[in-house]
Amino acid sequence: MSSRNDIEVVIGGKAIKLVGYESEEYLQKLAGYINGKLSEYEKVDSFKRQPAEMQNVLIQLNIADDYFKVKKQLEEITEEMELKDKELYDIKHELIATQIKMESKDKMIRDYQKELTKI
């Protein structure tokens, strides 16, 4: 089991202590992501005019939107991989069936050649 990490990060100009079993680098990455969202929105005048509570809600909605878009992409990629796996499975079985037919035909040819050499 991973060890617990206590790390202080800065989010929105405020020092916050994060505690978790993830690596310090990961926790810093989370803080960096949030800070990126904050700075992205602080450039928008209509966002700056909103009350702090509304700003927080808008940022939360934006992060949730990012999450659901990535989740959908993952589901689509997973579905595509499953289809590819099925296609590969079908192709392998088709190849095996073709090899069996070819071996049978080769055996027939050898048998006919043996018969011809007897004549």
C-alpha atoms as a PDB file:
ATOM      1  CA  MET A   1       0.000   0.000   0.000  1.00  0.00           C
ATOM      2  CA  SER A   2       1.285   3.481  -0.832  1.00  0.00           C
ATOM      3  CA  SER A   3       2.300   5.817   1.913  1.00  0.00           C
ATOM      4  CA  ARG A   4       0.169   8.800   2.726  1.00  0.00           C
ATOM      5  CA  ASN A   5       1.429  12.110   1.387  1.00  0.00           C
ATOM      6  CA  ASP A   6       0.849  15.481   2.997  1.00  0.00           C
ATOM      7  CA  ILE A   7       1.673  18.278   0.605  1.00  0.00           C
ATOM      8  CA  GLU A   8       1.051  21.998   0.543  1.00  0.00           C
ATOM      9  CA  VAL A   9      -0.041  23.406  -2.803  1.00  0.00           C
ATOM     10  CA  VAL A  10      -1.094  26.837  -3.942  1.00  0.00           C
ATOM     11  CA  ILE A  11      -4.499  27.084  -5.604  1.00  0.00           C
ATOM     12  CA  GLY A  12      -5.868  30.449  -6.579  1.00  0.00           C
ATOM     13  CA  GLY A  13      -3.122  32.163  -4.598  1.00  0.00           C
ATOM     14  CA  LYS A  14      -4.013  30.326  -1.381  1.00  0.00           C
ATOM     15  CA  ALA A  15      -1.891  27.672   0.293  1.00  0.00           C
ATOM     16  CA  ILE A  16      -3.865  24.463   0.788  1.00  0.00           C
ATOM     17  CA  LYS A  17      -2.733  21.268   2.461  1.00  0.00           C
ATOM     18  CA  LEU A  18      -3.614  18.149   0.473  1.00  0.00           C
ATOM     19  CA  VAL A  19      -3.480  14.684   2.000  1.00  0.00           C
ATOM     20  CA  GLY A  20      -3.691  11.554  -0.077  1.00  0.00           C
ATOM     21  CA  TYR A  21      -2.093   8.304  -1.130  1.00  0.00           C
ATOM     22  CA  GLU A  22      -1.260   9.635  -4.588  1.00  0.00           C
ATOM     23  CA  SER A  23       2.253  10.869  -5.328  1.00  0.00           C
ATOM     24  CA  GLU A  24       3.263  14.438  -4.562  1.00  0.00           C
ATOM     25  CA  GLU A  25       3.753  14.985  -8.302  1.00  0.00           C
ATOM     26  CA  TYR A  26       0.184  13.919  -8.957  1.00  0.00           C
ATOM     27  CA  LEU A  27      -1.211  16.198  -6.248  1.00  0.00           C
ATOM     28  CA  GLN A  28       0.832  19.093  -7.679  1.00  0.00           C
ATOM     29  CA  LYS A  29      -0.535  18.239 -11.116  1.00  0.00           C
ATOM     30  CA  LEU A  30      -4.094  18.489  -9.761  1.00  0.00           C
ATOM     31  CA  ALA A  31      -3.346  21.882  -8.250  1.00  0.00           C
ATOM     32  CA  GLY A  32      -1.776  22.986 -11.540  1.00  0.00           C
ATOM     33  CA  TYR A  33      -4.866  21.923 -13.449  1.00  0.00           C
ATOM     34  CA  ILE A  34      -7.151  23.908 -11.135  1.00  0.00           C
ATOM     35  CA  ASN A  35      -4.850  26.932 -11.358  1.00  0.00           C
ATOM     36  CA  GLY A  36      -4.927  26.642 -15.152  1.00  0.00           C
ATOM     37  CA  LYS A  37      -8.720  26.720 -15.112  1.00  0.00           C
ATOM     38  CA  LEU A  38      -8.712  29.697 -12.753  1.00  0.00           C
ATOM     39  CA  SER A  39      -6.313  31.676 -14.927  1.00  0.00           C
ATOM     40  CA  GLU A  40      -8.244  30.722 -18.061  1.00  0.00           C
ATOM     41  CA  TYR A  41     -11.462  32.122 -16.618  1.00  0.00           C
ATOM     42  CA  GLU A  42      -9.875  35.172 -15.007  1.00  0.00           C
ATOM     43  CA  LYS A  43      -9.205  36.439 -18.536  1.00  0.00           C
ATOM     44  CA  VAL A  44     -12.944  36.540 -19.280  1.00  0.00           C
ATOM     45  CA  ASP A  45     -14.589  39.828 -18.255  1.00  0.00           C
ATOM     46  CA  SER A  46     -18.068  38.367 -17.802  1.00  0.00           C
ATOM     47  CA  PHE A  47     -16.597  35.748 -15.438  1.00  0.00           C
ATOM     48  CA  LYS A  48     -14.818  38.373 -13.329  1.00  0.00           C
ATOM     49  CA  ARG A  49     -18.096  40.243 -12.835  1.00  0.00           C
ATOM     50  CA  GLN A  50     -19.770  37.192 -11.299  1.00  0.00           C
ATOM     51  CA  PRO A  51     -19.917  36.750  -7.527  1.00  0.00           C
ATOM     52  CA  ALA A  52     -17.237  34.419  -6.110  1.00  0.00           C
ATOM     53  CA  GLU A  53     -19.791  31.683  -5.443  1.00  0.00           C
ATOM     54  CA  MET A  54     -20.945  31.754  -9.075  1.00  0.00           C
ATOM     55  CA  GLN A  55     -17.332  31.762 -10.279  1.00  0.00           C
ATOM     56  CA  ASN A  56     -16.693  28.607  -8.262  1.00  0.00           C
ATOM     57  CA  VAL A  57     -19.797  26.944  -9.693  1.00  0.00           C
ATOM     58  CA  LEU A  58     -18.792  27.862 -13.254  1.00  0.00           C
ATOM     59  CA  ILE A  59     -15.304  26.428 -12.750  1.00  0.00           C
ATOM     60  CA  GLN A  60     -16.769  23.266 -11.202  1.00  0.00           C
ATOM     61  CA  LEU A  61     -19.114  22.907 -14.176  1.00  0.00           C
ATOM     62  CA  ASN A  62     -16.208  23.382 -16.577  1.00  0.00           C
ATOM     63  CA  ILE A  63     -14.140  20.721 -14.798  1.00  0.00           C
ATOM     64  CA  ALA A  64     -17.132  18.358 -14.792  1.00  0.00           C
ATOM     65  CA  ASP A  65     -17.541  19.045 -18.529  1.00  0.00           C
ATOM     66  CA  ASP A  66     -13.862  18.154 -19.103  1.00  0.00           C
ATOM     67  CA  TYR A  67     -14.343  14.968 -17.090  1.00  0.00           C
ATOM     68  CA  PHE A  68     -17.431  13.811 -18.986  1.00  0.00           C
ATOM     69  CA  LYS A  69     -15.880  14.590 -22.380  1.00  0.00           C
ATOM     70  CA  VAL A  70     -12.796  12.535 -21.537  1.00  0.00           C
ATOM     71  CA  LYS A  71     -14.974   9.771 -20.084  1.00  0.00           C
ATOM     72  CA  LYS A  72     -16.979   9.665 -23.328  1.00  0.00           C
ATOM     73  CA  GLN A  73     -13.771   9.528 -25.364  1.00  0.00           C
ATOM     74  CA  LEU A  74     -12.543   6.648 -23.232  1.00  0.00           C
ATOM     75  CA  GLU A  75     -15.827   4.788 -23.697  1.00  0.00           C
ATOM     76  CA  GLU A  76     -15.645   5.309 -27.477  1.00  0.00           C
ATOM     77  CA  ILE A  77     -12.031   4.127 -27.597  1.00  0.00           C
ATOM     78  CA  THR A  78     -12.870   1.117 -25.426  1.00  0.00           C
ATOM     79  CA  GLU A  79     -15.802   0.241 -27.689  1.00  0.00           C
ATOM     80  CA  GLU A  80     -13.589   0.632 -30.760  1.00  0.00           C
ATOM     81  CA  MET A  81     -10.942  -1.627 -29.197  1.00  0.00           C
ATOM     82  CA  GLU A  82     -13.567  -4.267 -28.421  1.00  0.00           C
ATOM     83  CA  LEU A  83     -14.741  -4.170 -32.052  1.00  0.00           C
ATOM     84  CA  LYS A  84     -11.143  -4.479 -33.268  1.00  0.00           C
ATOM     85  CA  ASP A  85     -10.573  -7.400 -30.890  1.00  0.00           C
ATOM     86  CA  LYS A  86     -13.676  -9.124 -32.277  1.00  0.00           C
ATOM     87  CA  GLU A  87     -12.534  -8.486 -35.853  1.00  0.00           C
ATOM     88  CA  LEU A  88      -9.105  -9.883 -35.023  1.00  0.00           C
ATOM     89  CA  TYR A  89     -10.688 -12.936 -33.388  1.00  0.00           C
ATOM     90  CA  ASP A  90     -12.847 -13.514 -36.477  1.00  0.00           C
ATOM     91  CA  ILE A  91      -9.858 -13.094 -38.806  1.00  0.00           C
ATOM     92  CA  LYS A  92      -7.777 -15.552 -36.771  1.00  0.00           C
ATOM     93  CA  HIS A  93     -10.557 -18.131 -36.957  1.00  0.00           C
ATOM     94  CA  GLU A  94     -10.952 -17.549 -40.669  1.00  0.00           C
ATOM     95  CA  LEU A  95      -7.198 -18.011 -41.092  1.00  0.00           C
ATOM     96  CA  ILE A  96      -7.265 -21.271 -39.134  1.00  0.00           C
ATOM     97  CA  ALA A  97     -10.200 -22.552 -41.192  1.00  0.00           C
ATOM     98  CA  THR A  98      -8.347 -21.637 -44.397  1.00  0.00           C
ATOM     99  CA  GLN A  99      -5.184 -23.357 -43.188  1.00  0.00           C
ATOM    100  CA  ILE A 100      -7.170 -26.515 -42.399  1.00  0.00           C
ATOM    101  CA  LYS A 101      -8.720 -26.447 -45.890  1.00  0.00           C
ATOM    102  CA  MET A 102      -5.306 -25.889 -47.443  1.00  0.00           C
ATOM    103  CA  GLU A 103      -3.786 -28.799 -45.500  1.00  0.00           C
ATOM    104  CA  SER A 104      -6.678 -30.992 -46.610  1.00  0.00           C
ATOM    105  CA  LYS A 105      -6.126 -29.972 -50.247  1.00  0.00           C
ATOM    106  CA  ASP A 106      -2.362 -30.580 -49.883  1.00  0.00           C
ATOM    107  CA  LYS A 107      -3.094 -34.070 -48.540  1.00  0.00           C
ATOM    108  CA  MET A 108      -5.418 -34.722 -51.462  1.00  0.00           C
ATOM    109  CA  ILE A 109      -2.724 -33.612 -53.899  1.00  0.00           C
ATOM    110  CA  ARG A 110      -0.150 -35.875 -52.238  1.00  0.00           C
ATOM    111  CA  ASP A 111      -2.621 -38.784 -52.332  1.00  0.00           C
ATOM    112  CA  TYR A 112      -3.317 -38.175 -56.055  1.00  0.00           C
ATOM    113  CA  GLN A 113       0.426 -37.964 -56.736  1.00  0.00           C
ATOM    114  CA  LYS A 114       0.944 -41.308 -54.960  1.00  0.00           C
ATOM    115  CA  GLU A 115      -1.831 -42.847 -57.067  1.00  0.00           C
ATOM    116  CA  LEU A 116      -0.319 -41.445 -60.248  1.00  0.00           C
ATOM    117  CA  THR A 117       3.098 -42.853 -59.430  1.00  0.00           C
ATOM    118  CA  LYS A 118       1.519 -46.307 -58.945  1.00  0.00           C
ATOM    119  CA  ILE A 119       0.028 -46.243 -62.442  1.00  0.00           C
END
